[in-house]
Amino acid sequence: MKLRQMAVAFLFSEKLEVLFLQKKQKDTFFAGFLVPIGGHIEGNEINEPLKACLREIEEETGLKREFIENLRLRYIVHRIKENQEIRLQYVFFGNVSRINTLSESDEGSLTWVGYNEISSQNVSATTIEIVNHYKEIGKTTENVYVGSMRSLKGNPTITWGLLEDWEM
């Protein structure tokens, strides 16, 4: 069984909009979807998901680290795909100003989406679950949550748990 690790970021503007990448229709991975900024963790980043996230942000938006504020790990999501691959996604949240100049990559086009409009957009079930949890719980705490993606009566959902040091 393979292991695929990814790092993504929900980057908020001062107007509570989130920056997304609109994937091209011809892409094989989430074609036509709005996805958070991010991608696969490279071999040399395997122990540093933040490093991978920052690299992906710069590749997809042109934003350098110094233009991103409060970028913090907030979620870790697990999923199994077709009993062939375990997917592990590190999800960071941070802030950027809309006055920053963005550079589009060849992966798609960048678009700002209102925070309260995300769930009604063409986004993945994982994105919807993360945004819903953040609205209900995540925005009021600095905790990190671990989620396991599963089916509940045929609908995708995430079962959440708090990531904490049990020895404390």
C-alpha atoms as a PDB file:
ATOM      1  CA  MET A   1       0.000   0.000   0.000  1.00  0.00           C
ATOM      2  CA  LYS A   2       1.253   3.470  -0.894  1.00  0.00           C
ATOM      3  CA  LEU A   3       1.396   6.527   1.336  1.00  0.00           C
ATOM      4  CA  ARG A   4       0.709   9.949  -0.184  1.00  0.00           C
ATOM      5  CA  GLN A   5       1.384  13.052   1.923  1.00  0.00           C
ATOM      6  CA  MET A   6       0.171  16.533   1.085  1.00  0.00           C
ATOM      7  CA  ALA A   7       0.323  19.984   2.646  1.00  0.00           C
ATOM      8  CA  VAL A   8      -2.293  22.638   1.901  1.00  0.00           C
ATOM      9  CA  ALA A   9      -3.141  26.107   3.157  1.00  0.00           C
ATOM     10  CA  PHE A  10      -6.326  28.045   3.678  1.00  0.00           C
ATOM     11  CA  LEU A  11      -5.088  31.617   3.246  1.00  0.00           C
ATOM     12  CA  PHE A  12      -7.502  34.263   4.551  1.00  0.00           C
ATOM     13  CA  SER A  13      -7.637  37.866   3.392  1.00  0.00           C
ATOM     14  CA  GLU A  14      -8.575  40.793   5.597  1.00  0.00           C
ATOM     15  CA  LYS A  15     -12.077  40.544   4.033  1.00  0.00           C
ATOM     16  CA  LEU A  16     -12.502  36.930   5.234  1.00  0.00           C
ATOM     17  CA  GLU A  17     -12.000  35.532   1.770  1.00  0.00           C
ATOM     18  CA  VAL A  18      -9.951  32.391   1.166  1.00  0.00           C
ATOM     19  CA  LEU A  19      -7.527  31.994  -1.718  1.00  0.00           C
ATOM     20  CA  PHE A  20      -8.201  28.924  -3.887  1.00  0.00           C
ATOM     21  CA  LEU A  21      -6.684  27.416  -6.996  1.00  0.00           C
ATOM     22  CA  GLN A  22      -9.196  26.670  -9.762  1.00  0.00           C
ATOM     23  CA  LYS A  23      -7.869  23.442 -11.284  1.00  0.00           C
ATOM     24  CA  LYS A  24      -7.880  23.146 -15.068  1.00  0.00           C
ATOM     25  CA  GLN A  25     -10.632  21.026 -16.643  1.00  0.00           C
ATOM     26  CA  LYS A  26      -8.048  18.723 -18.226  1.00  0.00           C
ATOM     27  CA  ASP A  27      -6.304  17.899 -14.932  1.00  0.00           C
ATOM     28  CA  THR A  28      -6.480  14.321 -13.718  1.00  0.00           C
ATOM     29  CA  PHE A  29      -6.607  15.325 -10.031  1.00  0.00           C
ATOM     30  CA  PHE A  30      -9.734  17.342  -9.066  1.00  0.00           C
ATOM     31  CA  ALA A  31     -10.291  18.690 -12.580  1.00  0.00           C
ATOM     32  CA  GLY A  32     -12.343  21.892 -12.473  1.00  0.00           C
ATOM     33  CA  PHE A  33     -12.454  21.986  -8.660  1.00  0.00           C
ATOM     34  CA  LEU A  34     -11.454  24.811  -6.364  1.00  0.00           C
ATOM     35  CA  VAL A  35      -8.705  23.479  -4.108  1.00  0.00           C
ATOM     36  CA  PRO A  36      -6.742  25.016  -1.248  1.00  0.00           C
ATOM     37  CA  ILE A  37      -3.251  26.156  -2.146  1.00  0.00           C
ATOM     38  CA  GLY A  38      -0.850  23.255  -1.766  1.00  0.00           C
ATOM     39  CA  GLY A  39       0.217  19.885  -3.030  1.00  0.00           C
ATOM     40  CA  HIS A  40       2.406  16.869  -2.503  1.00  0.00           C
ATOM     41  CA  ILE A  41       5.217  16.731   0.013  1.00  0.00           C
ATOM     42  CA  GLU A  42       8.561  16.040  -1.641  1.00  0.00           C
ATOM     43  CA  GLY A  43      11.009  13.469  -0.264  1.00  0.00           C
ATOM     44  CA  ASN A  44      13.296  16.057   1.324  1.00  0.00           C
ATOM     45  CA  GLU A  45      10.260  17.650   3.079  1.00  0.00           C
ATOM     46  CA  ILE A  46       8.781  14.466   4.536  1.00  0.00           C
ATOM     47  CA  ASN A  47       9.495  15.539   8.125  1.00  0.00           C
ATOM     48  CA  GLU A  48       8.659  19.204   7.495  1.00  0.00           C
ATOM     49  CA  PRO A  49       5.125  19.672   6.141  1.00  0.00           C
ATOM     50  CA  LEU A  50       5.328  23.423   6.821  1.00  0.00           C
ATOM     51  CA  LYS A  51       8.332  23.652   4.491  1.00  0.00           C
ATOM     52  CA  ALA A  52       6.332  21.812   1.797  1.00  0.00           C
ATOM     53  CA  CYS A  53       3.332  24.081   2.330  1.00  0.00           C
ATOM     54  CA  LEU A  54       5.441  27.226   1.970  1.00  0.00           C
ATOM     55  CA  ARG A  55       7.055  25.876  -1.193  1.00  0.00           C
ATOM     56  CA  GLU A  56       3.653  25.049  -2.694  1.00  0.00           C
ATOM     57  CA  ILE A  57       2.279  28.483  -1.773  1.00  0.00           C
ATOM     58  CA  GLU A  58       5.177  30.179  -3.533  1.00  0.00           C
ATOM     59  CA  GLU A  59       4.917  27.896  -6.586  1.00  0.00           C
ATOM     60  CA  GLU A  60       1.164  28.367  -6.987  1.00  0.00           C
ATOM     61  CA  THR A  61       0.754  32.025  -5.944  1.00  0.00           C
ATOM     62  CA  GLY A  62       4.166  33.685  -6.007  1.00  0.00           C
ATOM     63  CA  LEU A  63       3.730  34.630  -2.330  1.00  0.00           C
ATOM     64  CA  LYS A  64       6.916  34.433  -0.318  1.00  0.00           C
ATOM     65  CA  ARG A  65       6.996  33.432   3.343  1.00  0.00           C
ATOM     66  CA  GLU A  66       7.333  37.027   4.572  1.00  0.00           C
ATOM     67  CA  PHE A  67       3.908  37.914   3.115  1.00  0.00           C
ATOM     68  CA  ILE A  68       2.108  35.155   5.032  1.00  0.00           C
ATOM     69  CA  GLU A  69       1.130  35.738   8.640  1.00  0.00           C
ATOM     70  CA  ASN A  70       0.219  33.227  11.331  1.00  0.00           C
ATOM     71  CA  LEU A  71       0.601  30.147   9.129  1.00  0.00           C
ATOM     72  CA  ARG A  72      -0.115  27.309  11.535  1.00  0.00           C
ATOM     73  CA  LEU A  73      -0.970  23.650  11.347  1.00  0.00           C
ATOM     74  CA  ARG A  74      -4.647  23.273  12.269  1.00  0.00           C
ATOM     75  CA  TYR A  75      -5.745  19.908  10.849  1.00  0.00           C
ATOM     76  CA  ILE A  76      -4.343  16.538   9.842  1.00  0.00           C
ATOM     77  CA  VAL A  77      -6.731  14.476   7.717  1.00  0.00           C
ATOM     78  CA  HIS A  78      -6.397  10.741   6.980  1.00  0.00           C
ATOM     79  CA  ARG A  79      -8.108   8.889   4.179  1.00  0.00           C
ATOM     80  CA  ILE A  80      -7.758   5.587   2.399  1.00  0.00           C
ATOM     81  CA  LYS A  81      -8.273   5.592  -1.371  1.00  0.00           C
ATOM     82  CA  GLU A  82      -9.502   2.405  -3.056  1.00  0.00           C
ATOM     83  CA  ASN A  83      -7.691   0.299  -0.408  1.00  0.00           C
ATOM     84  CA  GLN A  84      -4.505   1.068  -2.343  1.00  0.00           C
ATOM     85  CA  GLU A  85      -3.285   4.352  -0.915  1.00  0.00           C
ATOM     86  CA  ILE A  86      -3.330   6.072   2.457  1.00  0.00           C
ATOM     87  CA  ARG A  87      -3.560   9.836   2.073  1.00  0.00           C
ATOM     88  CA  LEU A  88      -2.323  12.120   4.808  1.00  0.00           C
ATOM     89  CA  GLN A  89      -3.060  15.825   4.451  1.00  0.00           C
ATOM     90  CA  TYR A  90      -1.523  18.522   6.655  1.00  0.00           C
ATOM     91  CA  VAL A  91      -3.816  21.559   6.643  1.00  0.00           C
ATOM     92  CA  PHE A  92      -2.454  24.981   7.555  1.00  0.00           C
ATOM     93  CA  PHE A  93      -4.358  28.232   8.083  1.00  0.00           C
ATOM     94  CA  GLY A  94      -2.830  31.658   7.653  1.00  0.00           C
ATOM     95  CA  ASN A  95      -3.433  35.247   6.616  1.00  0.00           C
ATOM     96  CA  VAL A  96      -2.368  37.237   3.572  1.00  0.00           C
ATOM     97  CA  SER A  97      -3.248  40.690   2.362  1.00  0.00           C
ATOM     98  CA  ARG A  98      -5.109  41.065  -0.915  1.00  0.00           C
ATOM     99  CA  ILE A  99      -2.771  43.922  -1.786  1.00  0.00           C
ATOM    100  CA  ASN A 100      -0.039  41.365  -2.440  1.00  0.00           C
ATOM    101  CA  THR A 101       0.553  40.648  -6.095  1.00  0.00           C
ATOM    102  CA  LEU A 102      -0.238  37.056  -6.972  1.00  0.00           C
ATOM    103  CA  SER A 103       1.426  35.097  -9.765  1.00  0.00           C
ATOM    104  CA  GLU A 104      -0.582  32.337 -11.351  1.00  0.00           C
ATOM    105  CA  SER A 105       1.029  28.989 -12.060  1.00  0.00           C
ATOM    106  CA  ASP A 106       0.368  26.554 -14.867  1.00  0.00           C
ATOM    107  CA  GLU A 107      -1.759  24.459 -12.462  1.00  0.00           C
ATOM    108  CA  GLY A 108      -4.805  26.722 -12.705  1.00  0.00           C
ATOM    109  CA  SER A 109      -6.122  30.158 -11.859  1.00  0.00           C
ATOM    110  CA  LEU A 110      -6.294  31.830  -8.468  1.00  0.00           C
ATOM    111  CA  THR A 111      -9.581  33.041  -7.047  1.00  0.00           C
ATOM    112  CA  TRP A 112     -10.800  34.496  -3.768  1.00  0.00           C
ATOM    113  CA  VAL A 113     -13.925  32.920  -2.263  1.00  0.00           C
ATOM    114  CA  GLY A 114     -15.917  34.370   0.620  1.00  0.00           C
ATOM    115  CA  TYR A 115     -15.423  32.273   3.755  1.00  0.00           C
ATOM    116  CA  ASN A 116     -19.173  31.655   4.126  1.00  0.00           C
ATOM    117  CA  GLU A 117     -19.549  30.724   0.445  1.00  0.00           C
ATOM    118  CA  ILE A 118     -16.968  27.921   0.300  1.00  0.00           C
ATOM    119  CA  SER A 119     -19.386  25.052   0.967  1.00  0.00           C
ATOM    120  CA  SER A 120     -21.561  26.086  -1.990  1.00  0.00           C
ATOM    121  CA  GLN A 121     -18.619  26.047  -4.429  1.00  0.00           C
ATOM    122  CA  ASN A 122     -17.178  23.187  -6.490  1.00  0.00           C
ATOM    123  CA  VAL A 123     -14.872  21.945  -3.720  1.00  0.00           C
ATOM    124  CA  SER A 124     -14.052  18.491  -2.366  1.00  0.00           C
ATOM    125  CA  ALA A 125     -15.886  16.818   0.493  1.00  0.00           C
ATOM    126  CA  THR A 126     -12.689  17.111   2.536  1.00  0.00           C
ATOM    127  CA  THR A 127     -12.634  20.887   2.033  1.00  0.00           C
ATOM    128  CA  ILE A 128     -16.281  21.170   3.086  1.00  0.00           C
ATOM    129  CA  GLU A 129     -15.695  19.102   6.221  1.00  0.00           C
ATOM    130  CA  ILE A 130     -12.613  21.137   7.205  1.00  0.00           C
ATOM    131  CA  VAL A 131     -14.388  24.461   6.636  1.00  0.00           C
ATOM    132  CA  ASN A 132     -17.475  23.329   8.580  1.00  0.00           C
ATOM    133  CA  HIS A 133     -15.354  22.181  11.529  1.00  0.00           C
ATOM    134  CA  TYR A 134     -13.374  25.415  11.442  1.00  0.00           C
ATOM    135  CA  LYS A 135     -16.594  27.469  11.490  1.00  0.00           C
ATOM    136  CA  GLU A 136     -18.007  25.489  14.421  1.00  0.00           C
ATOM    137  CA  ILE A 137     -14.906  24.903  16.544  1.00  0.00           C
ATOM    138  CA  GLY A 138     -11.559  25.628  14.908  1.00  0.00           C
ATOM    139  CA  LYS A 139     -11.811  29.401  14.646  1.00  0.00           C
ATOM    140  CA  THR A 140     -12.215  29.751  18.427  1.00  0.00           C
ATOM    141  CA  THR A 141      -9.141  27.733  19.379  1.00  0.00           C
ATOM    142  CA  GLU A 142      -5.496  27.234  18.414  1.00  0.00           C
ATOM    143  CA  ASN A 143      -5.750  23.436  18.792  1.00  0.00           C
ATOM    144  CA  VAL A 144      -4.787  20.973  16.092  1.00  0.00           C
ATOM    145  CA  TYR A 145      -7.416  18.398  15.090  1.00  0.00           C
ATOM    146  CA  VAL A 146      -6.941  15.015  13.471  1.00  0.00           C
ATOM    147  CA  GLY A 147      -9.676  13.705  11.234  1.00  0.00           C
ATOM    148  CA  SER A 148     -10.441  10.406   9.577  1.00  0.00           C
ATOM    149  CA  MET A 149     -12.447  10.593   6.354  1.00  0.00           C
ATOM    150  CA  ARG A 150     -15.239   8.021   6.115  1.00  0.00           C
ATOM    151  CA  SER A 151     -18.712   7.380   4.765  1.00  0.00           C
ATOM    152  CA  LEU A 152     -21.754   7.998   6.950  1.00  0.00           C
ATOM    153  CA  LYS A 153     -24.879   6.555   5.327  1.00  0.00           C
ATOM    154  CA  GLY A 154     -23.274   7.050   1.918  1.00  0.00           C
ATOM    155  CA  ASN A 155     -22.157  10.626   2.574  1.00  0.00           C
ATOM    156  CA  PRO A 156     -18.546  11.675   3.134  1.00  0.00           C
ATOM    157  CA  THR A 157     -17.756  12.920   6.622  1.00  0.00           C
ATOM    158  CA  ILE A 158     -14.776  13.350   8.915  1.00  0.00           C
ATOM    159  CA  THR A 159     -14.587  12.062  12.475  1.00  0.00           C
ATOM    160  CA  TRP A 160     -12.531  14.596  14.423  1.00  0.00           C
ATOM    161  CA  GLY A 161     -10.299  14.233  17.464  1.00  0.00           C
ATOM    162  CA  LEU A 162      -8.110  16.705  19.288  1.00  0.00           C
ATOM    163  CA  LEU A 163      -4.373  16.171  18.790  1.00  0.00           C
ATOM    164  CA  GLU A 164      -2.789  16.544  22.186  1.00  0.00           C
ATOM    165  CA  ASP A 165       0.046  15.271  24.310  1.00  0.00           C
ATOM    166  CA  TRP A 166      -1.526  12.770  26.686  1.00  0.00           C
ATOM    167  CA  GLU A 167       1.430  13.056  29.062  1.00  0.00           C
ATOM    168  CA  MET A 168       0.677  16.622  30.013  1.00  0.00           C
END
